[in-house]
Amino acid sequence: MFFVYMLASKPQGTLYVGVTTDLLKRVWEDQSGSRFTSRYGVDRLVWFEAHEGWESAIQREQQIKEWRRDWKRTLIEADNPRWIDLFPGLRL
């Protein structure tokens, strides 16, 4: 399983889009201070989706990275309107 995910610094804050095979580990690493995420305080998991294949996950990540900010916000708010950190309740 592959995951495309978005982290945010706060509601309506800085966004980070990534892809991983281990969402729990990757978000924990990002919250613990990776390069971009620590510099901008991006540590709140606000959206993710699962993919069966690596190619579809990479394609989706690239698609979202090219989107305008308001499109990303709409995607997040469709399932997480209050921008709550999803990591504490994450069970995969």
C-alpha atoms as a PDB file:
ATOM      1  CA  MET A   1       0.000   0.000   0.000  1.00  0.00           C
ATOM      2  CA  PHE A   2       1.192   3.505  -0.849  1.00  0.00           C
ATOM      3  CA  PHE A   3      -0.030   6.756   0.675  1.00  0.00           C
ATOM      4  CA  VAL A   4      -0.219  10.313  -0.604  1.00  0.00           C
ATOM      5  CA  TYR A   5      -0.556  12.744   2.274  1.00  0.00           C
ATOM      6  CA  MET A   6      -0.627  16.414   3.231  1.00  0.00           C
ATOM      7  CA  LEU A   7       0.777  17.999   6.341  1.00  0.00           C
ATOM      8  CA  ALA A   8      -0.006  21.542   7.470  1.00  0.00           C
ATOM      9  CA  SER A   9       1.551  23.948   9.933  1.00  0.00           C
ATOM     10  CA  LYS A  10      -1.901  25.089  11.133  1.00  0.00           C
ATOM     11  CA  PRO A  11      -5.348  25.549   9.613  1.00  0.00           C
ATOM     12  CA  GLN A  12      -4.844  27.433   6.353  1.00  0.00           C
ATOM     13  CA  GLY A  13      -1.055  27.348   6.973  1.00  0.00           C
ATOM     14  CA  THR A  14       1.928  26.022   5.031  1.00  0.00           C
ATOM     15  CA  LEU A  15       1.291  22.715   3.246  1.00  0.00           C
ATOM     16  CA  TYR A  16       3.564  19.779   2.470  1.00  0.00           C
ATOM     17  CA  VAL A  17       2.584  16.998   0.039  1.00  0.00           C
ATOM     18  CA  GLY A  18       4.366  13.655   0.178  1.00  0.00           C
ATOM     19  CA  VAL A  19       4.177   9.968  -0.703  1.00  0.00           C
ATOM     20  CA  THR A  20       5.249   6.964   1.371  1.00  0.00           C
ATOM     21  CA  THR A  21       4.747   3.257   1.949  1.00  0.00           C
ATOM     22  CA  ASP A  22       4.712   3.674   5.747  1.00  0.00           C
ATOM     23  CA  LEU A  23       2.448   6.577   6.684  1.00  0.00           C
ATOM     24  CA  LEU A  24       2.831   6.158  10.454  1.00  0.00           C
ATOM     25  CA  LYS A  25       6.620   6.168  10.306  1.00  0.00           C
ATOM     26  CA  ARG A  26       6.833   8.978   7.767  1.00  0.00           C
ATOM     27  CA  VAL A  27       4.506  11.348   9.619  1.00  0.00           C
ATOM     28  CA  TRP A  28       6.304  10.587  12.885  1.00  0.00           C
ATOM     29  CA  GLU A  29       9.622  11.432  11.165  1.00  0.00           C
ATOM     30  CA  ASP A  30       8.153  14.651   9.751  1.00  0.00           C
ATOM     31  CA  GLN A  31       6.808  15.621  13.169  1.00  0.00           C
ATOM     32  CA  SER A  32      10.216  14.876  14.672  1.00  0.00           C
ATOM     33  CA  GLY A  33      11.885  17.431  12.446  1.00  0.00           C
ATOM     34  CA  SER A  34      12.727  16.649   8.839  1.00  0.00           C
ATOM     35  CA  ARG A  35      14.204  19.376   6.661  1.00  0.00           C
ATOM     36  CA  PHE A  36      11.203  21.223   5.230  1.00  0.00           C
ATOM     37  CA  THR A  37       8.726  20.293   7.909  1.00  0.00           C
ATOM     38  CA  SER A  38      10.834  21.533  10.820  1.00  0.00           C
ATOM     39  CA  ARG A  39      11.775  24.761   9.052  1.00  0.00           C
ATOM     40  CA  TYR A  40       8.136  25.684   8.468  1.00  0.00           C
ATOM     41  CA  GLY A  41       6.492  23.942  11.431  1.00  0.00           C
ATOM     42  CA  VAL A  42       4.572  21.576   9.169  1.00  0.00           C
ATOM     43  CA  ASP A  43       3.618  18.761  11.533  1.00  0.00           C
ATOM     44  CA  ARG A  44      -0.163  18.241  11.333  1.00  0.00           C
ATOM     45  CA  LEU A  45      -1.448  15.355   9.160  1.00  0.00           C
ATOM     46  CA  VAL A  46      -4.581  16.842   7.594  1.00  0.00           C
ATOM     47  CA  TRP A  47      -5.268  14.546   4.619  1.00  0.00           C
ATOM     48  CA  PHE A  48      -4.178  11.239   3.091  1.00  0.00           C
ATOM     49  CA  GLU A  49      -5.312   8.644   0.598  1.00  0.00           C
ATOM     50  CA  ALA A  50      -4.204   5.079  -0.119  1.00  0.00           C
ATOM     51  CA  HIS A  51      -3.062   3.714  -3.477  1.00  0.00           C
ATOM     52  CA  GLU A  52      -2.451   0.143  -4.569  1.00  0.00           C
ATOM     53  CA  GLY A  53       0.509   0.992  -6.806  1.00  0.00           C
ATOM     54  CA  TRP A  54       3.578   3.195  -6.592  1.00  0.00           C
ATOM     55  CA  GLU A  55       2.972   4.741 -10.013  1.00  0.00           C
ATOM     56  CA  SER A  56      -0.545   5.910  -9.175  1.00  0.00           C
ATOM     57  CA  ALA A  57       0.648   7.326  -5.836  1.00  0.00           C
ATOM     58  CA  ILE A  58       3.508   9.257  -7.454  1.00  0.00           C
ATOM     59  CA  GLN A  59       1.212  10.518 -10.198  1.00  0.00           C
ATOM     60  CA  ARG A  60      -1.325  11.726  -7.620  1.00  0.00           C
ATOM     61  CA  GLU A  61       1.388  13.400  -5.525  1.00  0.00           C
ATOM     62  CA  GLN A  62       2.686  15.271  -8.577  1.00  0.00           C
ATOM     63  CA  GLN A  63      -0.856  16.257  -9.572  1.00  0.00           C
ATOM     64  CA  ILE A  64      -1.593  17.717  -6.136  1.00  0.00           C
ATOM     65  CA  LYS A  65       1.757  19.524  -5.989  1.00  0.00           C
ATOM     66  CA  GLU A  66       0.809  21.340  -9.197  1.00  0.00           C
ATOM     67  CA  TRP A  67      -2.592  22.389  -7.869  1.00  0.00           C
ATOM     68  CA  ARG A  68      -3.425  25.868  -6.696  1.00  0.00           C
ATOM     69  CA  ARG A  69      -3.638  26.315  -2.944  1.00  0.00           C
ATOM     70  CA  ASP A  70      -7.420  26.688  -2.893  1.00  0.00           C
ATOM     71  CA  TRP A  71      -7.823  23.316  -4.664  1.00  0.00           C
ATOM     72  CA  LYS A  72      -5.667  21.667  -1.992  1.00  0.00           C
ATOM     73  CA  ARG A  73      -7.689  23.381   0.709  1.00  0.00           C
ATOM     74  CA  THR A  74     -10.929  22.104  -0.848  1.00  0.00           C
ATOM     75  CA  LEU A  75      -9.528  18.553  -0.925  1.00  0.00           C
ATOM     76  CA  ILE A  76      -8.543  18.733   2.761  1.00  0.00           C
ATOM     77  CA  GLU A  77     -11.793  20.321   3.902  1.00  0.00           C
ATOM     78  CA  ALA A  78     -13.957  17.741   2.102  1.00  0.00           C
ATOM     79  CA  ASP A  79     -12.996  15.201   4.797  1.00  0.00           C
ATOM     80  CA  ASN A  80     -11.352  17.346   7.471  1.00  0.00           C
ATOM     81  CA  PRO A  81     -13.064  20.776   7.577  1.00  0.00           C
ATOM     82  CA  ARG A  82     -11.465  21.758  10.900  1.00  0.00           C
ATOM     83  CA  TRP A  83      -7.935  20.732   9.838  1.00  0.00           C
ATOM     84  CA  ILE A  84      -7.618  18.370  12.814  1.00  0.00           C
ATOM     85  CA  ASP A  85      -4.352  16.425  13.118  1.00  0.00           C
ATOM     86  CA  LEU A  86      -5.283  12.912  11.969  1.00  0.00           C
ATOM     87  CA  PHE A  87      -2.072  11.289  13.201  1.00  0.00           C
ATOM     88  CA  PRO A  88      -3.107  10.553  16.835  1.00  0.00           C
ATOM     89  CA  GLY A  89      -6.056   8.421  15.697  1.00  0.00           C
ATOM     90  CA  LEU A  90      -4.310   6.808  12.723  1.00  0.00           C
ATOM     91  CA  ARG A  91      -4.571   3.016  12.588  1.00  0.00           C
ATOM     92  CA  LEU A  92      -3.361   1.282   9.436  1.00  0.00           C
END
